[in-house]
């Protein structure tokens, strides 16, 4: 099972949380960014529905697979 690591960092004159190189919207305070990152991490644990999904990869190839609703990653927050 994958593990996600959200990190709170200074960003764009305020604070943001980041995951795999992508930044959230900016927050005025560290506490605001930390609270938002914790919400995002908690939401990763919420189960969904098992369904088929289709997506295009970086090479333009389409894939179809079964996404299991209970197969959720673990997530934590640092910073």
PDB file of N, CA and C in Angstrom:
ATOM      1  N   UNK A   1       0.849  -1.175   0.000  1.00  0.00           N
ATOM      2  CA  UNK A   1       0.000   0.000   0.000  1.00  0.00           C
ATOM      3  C   UNK A   1       0.899   1.244   0.000  1.00  0.00           C
ATOM      4  N   UNK A   2       0.609   2.217  -0.857  1.00  0.00           N
ATOM      5  CA  UNK A   2       1.446   3.417  -0.915  1.00  0.00           C
ATOM      6  C   UNK A   2       1.335   4.267   0.345  1.00  0.00           C
ATOM      7  N   UNK A   3       2.382   5.022   0.610  1.00  0.00           N
ATOM      8  CA  UNK A   3       2.387   5.957   1.727  1.00  0.00           C
ATOM      9  C   UNK A   3       2.624   7.351   1.161  1.00  0.00           C
ATOM     10  N   UNK A   4       1.743   8.281   1.498  1.00  0.00           N
ATOM     11  CA  UNK A   4       1.840   9.655   1.031  1.00  0.00           C
ATOM     12  C   UNK A   4       2.388  10.530   2.143  1.00  0.00           C
ATOM     13  N   UNK A   5       3.255  11.474   1.766  1.00  0.00           N
ATOM     14  CA  UNK A   5       3.865  12.378   2.741  1.00  0.00           C
ATOM     15  C   UNK A   5       3.570  13.820   2.341  1.00  0.00           C
ATOM     16  N   UNK A   6       2.657  14.446   3.061  1.00  0.00           N
ATOM     17  CA  UNK A   6       2.374  15.865   2.862  1.00  0.00           C
ATOM     18  C   UNK A   6       3.373  16.651   3.702  1.00  0.00           C
ATOM     19  N   UNK A   7       3.880  17.756   3.154  1.00  0.00           N
ATOM     20  CA  UNK A   7       4.838  18.573   3.893  1.00  0.00           C
ATOM     21  C   UNK A   7       4.428  20.037   3.803  1.00  0.00           C
ATOM     22  N   UNK A   8       4.423  20.725   4.939  1.00  0.00           N
ATOM     23  CA  UNK A   8       4.103  22.147   4.989  1.00  0.00           C
ATOM     24  C   UNK A   8       5.400  22.927   4.768  1.00  0.00           C
ATOM     25  N   UNK A   9       5.368  23.875   3.803  1.00  0.00           N
ATOM     26  CA  UNK A   9       6.574  24.615   3.430  1.00  0.00           C
ATOM     27  C   UNK A   9       6.222  26.077   3.156  1.00  0.00           C
ATOM     28  N   UNK A  10       7.222  26.984   3.288  1.00  0.00           N
ATOM     29  CA  UNK A  10       6.989  28.360   2.858  1.00  0.00           C
ATOM     30  C   UNK A  10       6.735  28.373   1.351  1.00  0.00           C
ATOM     31  N   UNK A  11       5.757  29.181   0.919  1.00  0.00           N
ATOM     32  CA  UNK A  11       5.425  29.206  -0.505  1.00  0.00           C
ATOM     33  C   UNK A  11       4.658  30.470  -0.866  1.00  0.00           C
ATOM     34  N   UNK A  12       5.102  31.155  -1.899  1.00  0.00           N
ATOM     35  CA  UNK A  12       4.376  32.278  -2.491  1.00  0.00           C
ATOM     36  C   UNK A  12       4.021  33.350  -1.460  1.00  0.00           C
ATOM     37  N   UNK A  13       4.961  33.672  -0.588  1.00  0.00           N
ATOM     38  CA  UNK A  13       4.735  34.711   0.419  1.00  0.00           C
ATOM     39  C   UNK A  13       3.933  34.261   1.624  1.00  0.00           C
ATOM     40  N   UNK A  14       3.618  32.998   1.695  1.00  0.00           N
ATOM     41  CA  UNK A  14       2.877  32.445   2.833  1.00  0.00           C
ATOM     42  C   UNK A  14       3.312  31.012   3.064  1.00  0.00           C
ATOM     43  N   UNK A  15       2.335  30.135   3.211  1.00  0.00           N
ATOM     44  CA  UNK A  15       2.608  28.717   3.472  1.00  0.00           C
ATOM     45  C   UNK A  15       1.722  27.864   2.573  1.00  0.00           C
ATOM     46  N   UNK A  16       2.183  26.663   2.282  1.00  0.00           N
ATOM     47  CA  UNK A  16       1.405  25.709   1.498  1.00  0.00           C
ATOM     48  C   UNK A  16       1.815  24.309   1.941  1.00  0.00           C
ATOM     49  N   UNK A  17       1.033  23.335   1.529  1.00  0.00           N
ATOM     50  CA  UNK A  17       1.497  21.960   1.704  1.00  0.00           C
ATOM     51  C   UNK A  17       1.792  21.392   0.333  1.00  0.00           C
ATOM     52  N   UNK A  18       2.722  20.458   0.289  1.00  0.00           N
ATOM     53  CA  UNK A  18       3.158  19.896  -0.974  1.00  0.00           C
ATOM     54  C   UNK A  18       3.085  18.374  -0.919  1.00  0.00           C
ATOM     55  N   UNK A  19       2.866  17.783  -2.079  1.00  0.00           N
ATOM     56  CA  UNK A  19       2.839  16.333  -2.225  1.00  0.00           C
ATOM     57  C   UNK A  19       3.370  16.014  -3.610  1.00  0.00           C
ATOM     58  N   UNK A  20       4.440  15.260  -3.655  1.00  0.00           N
ATOM     59  CA  UNK A  20       5.042  14.851  -4.936  1.00  0.00           C
ATOM     60  C   UNK A  20       5.300  16.032  -5.872  1.00  0.00           C
ATOM     61  N   UNK A  21       5.781  17.145  -5.324  1.00  0.00           N
ATOM     62  CA  UNK A  21       6.142  18.301  -6.141  1.00  0.00           C
ATOM     63  C   UNK A  21       5.011  19.252  -6.483  1.00  0.00           C
ATOM     64  N   UNK A  22       3.789  18.923  -6.103  1.00  0.00           N
ATOM     65  CA  UNK A  22       2.648  19.806  -6.358  1.00  0.00           C
ATOM     66  C   UNK A  22       2.313  20.575  -5.083  1.00  0.00           C
ATOM     67  N   UNK A  23       2.005  21.861  -5.240  1.00  0.00           N
ATOM     68  CA  UNK A  23       1.691  22.714  -4.095  1.00  0.00           C
ATOM     69  C   UNK A  23       0.191  22.952  -3.984  1.00  0.00           C
ATOM     70  N   UNK A  24      -0.267  23.081  -2.745  1.00  0.00           N
ATOM     71  CA  UNK A  24      -1.643  23.497  -2.493  1.00  0.00           C
ATOM     72  C   UNK A  24      -1.751  24.990  -2.760  1.00  0.00           C
ATOM     73  N   UNK A  25      -2.934  25.519  -2.575  1.00  0.00           N
ATOM     74  CA  UNK A  25      -3.097  26.965  -2.613  1.00  0.00           C
ATOM     75  C   UNK A  25      -2.316  27.551  -1.429  1.00  0.00           C
ATOM     76  N   UNK A  26      -1.926  28.825  -1.506  1.00  0.00           N
ATOM     77  CA  UNK A  26      -1.181  29.416  -0.384  1.00  0.00           C
ATOM     78  C   UNK A  26      -2.106  29.735   0.796  1.00  0.00           C
ATOM     79  N   UNK A  27      -1.539  29.649   1.979  1.00  0.00           N
ATOM     80  CA  UNK A  27      -2.221  30.005   3.226  1.00  0.00           C
ATOM     81  C   UNK A  27      -1.415  31.105   3.904  1.00  0.00           C
ATOM     82  N   UNK A  28      -2.095  31.992   4.604  1.00  0.00           N
ATOM     83  CA  UNK A  28      -1.404  33.099   5.268  1.00  0.00           C
ATOM     84  C   UNK A  28      -0.517  32.639   6.409  1.00  0.00           C
ATOM     85  N   UNK A  29      -0.943  31.565   7.089  1.00  0.00           N
ATOM     86  CA  UNK A  29      -0.202  31.120   8.263  1.00  0.00           C
ATOM     87  C   UNK A  29       0.221  29.660   8.127  1.00  0.00           C
ATOM     88  N   UNK A  30       1.245  29.327   8.887  1.00  0.00           N
ATOM     89  CA  UNK A  30       1.695  27.935   8.953  1.00  0.00           C
ATOM     90  C   UNK A  30       0.584  27.064   9.514  1.00  0.00           C
ATOM     91  N   UNK A  31      -0.104  27.566  10.539  1.00  0.00           N
ATOM     92  CA  UNK A  31      -1.183  26.792  11.168  1.00  0.00           C
ATOM     93  C   UNK A  31      -2.306  26.497  10.169  1.00  0.00           C
ATOM     94  N   UNK A  32      -2.629  27.446   9.305  1.00  0.00           N
ATOM     95  CA  UNK A  32      -3.667  27.225   8.300  1.00  0.00           C
ATOM     96  C   UNK A  32      -3.266  26.162   7.299  1.00  0.00           C
ATOM     97  N   UNK A  33      -2.020  26.204   6.836  1.00  0.00           N
ATOM     98  CA  UNK A  33      -1.527  25.199   5.888  1.00  0.00           C
ATOM     99  C   UNK A  33      -1.450  23.837   6.547  1.00  0.00           C
ATOM    100  N   UNK A  34      -1.024  23.788   7.796  1.00  0.00           N
ATOM    101  CA  UNK A  34      -0.932  22.521   8.522  1.00  0.00           C
ATOM    102  C   UNK A  34      -2.308  21.897   8.711  1.00  0.00           C
ATOM    103  N   UNK A  35      -3.284  22.699   9.077  1.00  0.00           N
ATOM    104  CA  UNK A  35      -4.651  22.183   9.251  1.00  0.00           C
ATOM    105  C   UNK A  35      -5.199  21.644   7.927  1.00  0.00           C
ATOM    106  N   UNK A  36      -4.958  22.367   6.825  1.00  0.00           N
ATOM    107  CA  UNK A  36      -5.436  21.915   5.521  1.00  0.00           C
ATOM    108  C   UNK A  36      -4.735  20.621   5.100  1.00  0.00           C
ATOM    109  N   UNK A  37      -3.445  20.504   5.369  1.00  0.00           N
ATOM    110  CA  UNK A  37      -2.700  19.286   5.033  1.00  0.00           C
ATOM    111  C   UNK A  37      -3.223  18.099   5.833  1.00  0.00           C
ATOM    112  N   UNK A  38      -3.562  18.333   7.076  1.00  0.00           N
ATOM    113  CA  UNK A  38      -4.105  17.241   7.897  1.00  0.00           C
ATOM    114  C   UNK A  38      -5.464  16.772   7.372  1.00  0.00           C
ATOM    115  N   UNK A  39      -6.285  17.706   6.904  1.00  0.00           N
ATOM    116  CA  UNK A  39      -7.572  17.339   6.304  1.00  0.00           C
ATOM    117  C   UNK A  39      -7.329  16.508   5.053  1.00  0.00           C
ATOM    118  N   UNK A  40      -6.416  16.958   4.200  1.00  0.00           N
ATOM    119  CA  UNK A  40      -6.112  16.222   2.966  1.00  0.00           C
ATOM    120  C   UNK A  40      -5.609  14.811   3.277  1.00  0.00           C
ATOM    121  N   UNK A  41      -4.765  14.679   4.287  1.00  0.00           N
ATOM    122  CA  UNK A  41      -4.247  13.360   4.665  1.00  0.00           C
ATOM    123  C   UNK A  41      -5.363  12.455   5.184  1.00  0.00           C
ATOM    124  N   UNK A  42      -6.262  13.017   5.996  1.00  0.00           N
ATOM    125  CA  UNK A  42      -7.391  12.224   6.511  1.00  0.00           C
ATOM    126  C   UNK A  42      -8.294  11.747   5.382  1.00  0.00           C
ATOM    127  N   UNK A  43      -8.506  12.609   4.397  1.00  0.00           N
ATOM    128  CA  UNK A  43      -9.388  12.258   3.282  1.00  0.00           C
ATOM    129  C   UNK A  43      -8.820  11.110   2.446  1.00  0.00           C
ATOM    130  N   UNK A  44      -7.521  10.892   2.491  1.00  0.00           N
ATOM    131  CA  UNK A  44      -6.919   9.776   1.765  1.00  0.00           C
ATOM    132  C   UNK A  44      -7.383   8.431   2.324  1.00  0.00           C
ATOM    133  N   UNK A  45      -7.784   8.423   3.582  1.00  0.00           N
ATOM    134  CA  UNK A  45      -8.199   7.182   4.242  1.00  0.00           C
ATOM    135  C   UNK A  45      -9.665   6.825   3.964  1.00  0.00           C
ATOM    136  N   UNK A  46     -10.434   7.783   3.438  1.00  0.00           N
ATOM    137  CA  UNK A  46     -11.862   7.550   3.213  1.00  0.00           C
ATOM    138  C   UNK A  46     -12.062   6.553   2.069  1.00  0.00           C
ATOM    139  N   UNK A  47     -12.772   5.462   2.325  1.00  0.00           N
ATOM    140  CA  UNK A  47     -13.000   4.503   1.247  1.00  0.00           C
ATOM    141  C   UNK A  47     -13.942   5.077   0.198  1.00  0.00           C
ATOM    142  N   UNK A  48     -13.812   4.572  -0.995  1.00  0.00           N
ATOM    143  CA  UNK A  48     -14.688   4.984  -2.089  1.00  0.00           C
ATOM    144  C   UNK A  48     -15.384   3.770  -2.661  1.00  0.00           C
ATOM    145  N   UNK A  49     -15.888   3.906  -3.870  1.00  0.00           N
ATOM    146  CA  UNK A  49     -16.555   2.802  -4.539  1.00  0.00           C
ATOM    147  C   UNK A  49     -15.568   2.076  -5.441  1.00  0.00           C
ATOM    148  N   UNK A  50     -15.712   0.776  -5.544  1.00  0.00           N
ATOM    149  CA  UNK A  50     -14.925   0.009  -6.498  1.00  0.00           C
ATOM    150  C   UNK A  50     -15.516   0.235  -7.878  1.00  0.00           C
ATOM    151  N   UNK A  51     -14.678   0.678  -8.815  1.00  0.00           N
ATOM    152  CA  UNK A  51     -15.153   1.014 -10.154  1.00  0.00           C
ATOM    153  C   UNK A  51     -14.012   0.895 -11.156  1.00  0.00           C
ATOM    154  N   UNK A  52     -14.358   0.787 -12.409  1.00  0.00           N
ATOM    155  CA  UNK A  52     -13.350   0.809 -13.456  1.00  0.00           C
ATOM    156  C   UNK A  52     -13.009   2.257 -13.791  1.00  0.00           C
ATOM    157  N   UNK A  53     -11.722   2.520 -13.988  1.00  0.00           N
ATOM    158  CA  UNK A  53     -11.275   3.852 -14.375  1.00  0.00           C
ATOM    159  C   UNK A  53     -10.448   3.748 -15.649  1.00  0.00           C
ATOM    160  N   UNK A  54     -10.413   4.837 -16.390  1.00  0.00           N
ATOM    161  CA  UNK A  54      -9.573   4.931 -17.573  1.00  0.00           C
ATOM    162  C   UNK A  54      -8.735   6.192 -17.433  1.00  0.00           C
ATOM    163  N   UNK A  55      -7.453   6.114 -17.822  1.00  0.00           N
ATOM    164  CA  UNK A  55      -6.580   7.274 -17.740  1.00  0.00           C
ATOM    165  C   UNK A  55      -5.514   7.192 -18.820  1.00  0.00           C
ATOM    166  N   UNK A  56      -4.983   8.352 -19.176  1.00  0.00           N
ATOM    167  CA  UNK A  56      -3.931   8.452 -20.173  1.00  0.00           C
ATOM    168  C   UNK A  56      -2.613   8.719 -19.462  1.00  0.00           C
ATOM    169  N   UNK A  57      -1.572   7.957 -19.785  1.00  0.00           N
ATOM    170  CA  UNK A  57      -0.279   8.173 -19.139  1.00  0.00           C
ATOM    171  C   UNK A  57       0.509   9.266 -19.868  1.00  0.00           C
ATOM    172  N   UNK A  58       1.704   9.569 -19.372  1.00  0.00           N
ATOM    173  CA  UNK A  58       2.525  10.640 -19.927  1.00  0.00           C
ATOM    174  C   UNK A  58       2.927  10.382 -21.374  1.00  0.00           C
ATOM    175  N   UNK A  59       2.893   9.131 -21.807  1.00  0.00           N
ATOM    176  CA  UNK A  59       3.246   8.783 -23.188  1.00  0.00           C
ATOM    177  C   UNK A  59       2.043   8.768 -24.122  1.00  0.00           C
ATOM    178  N   UNK A  60       0.866   9.156 -23.638  1.00  0.00           N
ATOM    179  CA  UNK A  60      -0.329   9.197 -24.464  1.00  0.00           C
ATOM    180  C   UNK A  60      -1.031   7.856 -24.621  1.00  0.00           C
ATOM    181  N   UNK A  61      -0.653   6.875 -23.812  1.00  0.00           N
ATOM    182  CA  UNK A  61      -1.264   5.548 -23.874  1.00  0.00           C
ATOM    183  C   UNK A  61      -2.409   5.487 -22.859  1.00  0.00           C
ATOM    184  N   UNK A  62      -3.556   4.994 -23.321  1.00  0.00           N
ATOM    185  CA  UNK A  62      -4.721   4.867 -22.437  1.00  0.00           C
ATOM    186  C   UNK A  62      -4.701   3.518 -21.721  1.00  0.00           C
ATOM    187  N   UNK A  63      -5.107   3.542 -20.456  1.00  0.00           N
ATOM    188  CA  UNK A  63      -5.167   2.342 -19.625  1.00  0.00           C
ATOM    189  C   UNK A  63      -6.549   2.253 -18.998  1.00  0.00           C
ATOM    190  N   UNK A  64      -7.002   1.048 -18.734  1.00  0.00           N
ATOM    191  CA  UNK A  64      -8.249   0.815 -18.020  1.00  0.00           C
ATOM    192  C   UNK A  64      -7.955  -0.190 -16.920  1.00  0.00           C
ATOM    193  N   UNK A  65      -8.435   0.102 -15.722  1.00  0.00           N
ATOM    194  CA  UNK A  65      -8.191  -0.815 -14.609  1.00  0.00           C
ATOM    195  C   UNK A  65      -9.292  -0.703 -13.565  1.00  0.00           C
ATOM    196  N   UNK A  66      -9.341  -1.699 -12.728  1.00  0.00           N
ATOM    197  CA  UNK A  66     -10.300  -1.712 -11.624  1.00  0.00           C
ATOM    198  C   UNK A  66      -9.677  -1.006 -10.435  1.00  0.00           C
ATOM    199  N   UNK A  67     -10.317   0.045  -9.969  1.00  0.00           N
ATOM    200  CA  UNK A  67      -9.865   0.778  -8.786  1.00  0.00           C
ATOM    201  C   UNK A  67     -10.708   0.311  -7.606  1.00  0.00           C
ATOM    202  N   UNK A  68     -10.062  -0.354  -6.669  1.00  0.00           N
ATOM    203  CA  UNK A  68     -10.775  -0.874  -5.497  1.00  0.00           C
ATOM    204  C   UNK A  68     -11.007   0.247  -4.497  1.00  0.00           C
ATOM    205  N   UNK A  69     -12.237   0.419  -4.086  1.00  0.00           N
ATOM    206  CA  UNK A  69     -12.605   1.501  -3.187  1.00  0.00           C
ATOM    207  C   UNK A  69     -12.003   1.405  -1.803  1.00  0.00           C
ATOM    208  N   UNK A  70     -11.647   0.207  -1.366  1.00  0.00           N
ATOM    209  CA  UNK A  70     -11.080   0.047  -0.025  1.00  0.00           C
ATOM    210  C   UNK A  70      -9.569   0.030  -0.002  1.00  0.00           C
ATOM    211  N   UNK A  71      -8.923   0.146  -1.159  1.00  0.00           N
ATOM    212  CA  UNK A  71      -7.469   0.100  -1.256  1.00  0.00           C
ATOM    213  C   UNK A  71      -6.925   1.518  -1.124  1.00  0.00           C
ATOM    214  N   UNK A  72      -6.811   2.002   0.086  1.00  0.00           N
ATOM    215  CA  UNK A  72      -6.441   3.388   0.341  1.00  0.00           C
ATOM    216  C   UNK A  72      -5.014   3.496   0.855  1.00  0.00           C
ATOM    217  N   UNK A  73      -4.300   4.553   0.465  1.00  0.00           N
ATOM    218  CA  UNK A  73      -2.935   4.747   0.955  1.00  0.00           C
ATOM    219  C   UNK A  73      -2.945   5.252   2.394  1.00  0.00           C
ATOM    220  N   UNK A  74      -1.810   5.159   3.037  1.00  0.00           N
ATOM    221  CA  UNK A  74      -1.640   5.820   4.319  1.00  0.00           C
ATOM    222  C   UNK A  74      -1.012   7.193   4.028  1.00  0.00           C
ATOM    223  N   UNK A  75      -1.250   8.138   4.901  1.00  0.00           N
ATOM    224  CA  UNK A  75      -0.745   9.492   4.674  1.00  0.00           C
ATOM    225  C   UNK A  75      -0.330  10.109   5.999  1.00  0.00           C
ATOM    226  N   UNK A  76       0.723  10.931   5.942  1.00  0.00           N
ATOM    227  CA  UNK A  76       1.135  11.673   7.120  1.00  0.00           C
ATOM    228  C   UNK A  76       1.477  13.107   6.721  1.00  0.00           C
ATOM    229  N   UNK A  77       1.710  13.952   7.725  1.00  0.00           N
ATOM    230  CA  UNK A  77       1.994  15.358   7.509  1.00  0.00           C
ATOM    231  C   UNK A  77       3.220  15.723   8.340  1.00  0.00           C
ATOM    232  N   UNK A  78       4.162  16.450   7.714  1.00  0.00           N
ATOM    233  CA  UNK A  78       5.311  16.981   8.432  1.00  0.00           C
ATOM    234  C   UNK A  78       5.419  18.472   8.143  1.00  0.00           C
ATOM    235  N   UNK A  79       6.196  19.142   8.963  1.00  0.00           N
ATOM    236  CA  UNK A  79       6.452  20.575   8.728  1.00  0.00           C
ATOM    237  C   UNK A  79       5.712  21.385   9.713  1.00  0.00           C
TER     238      UNK A  79
END
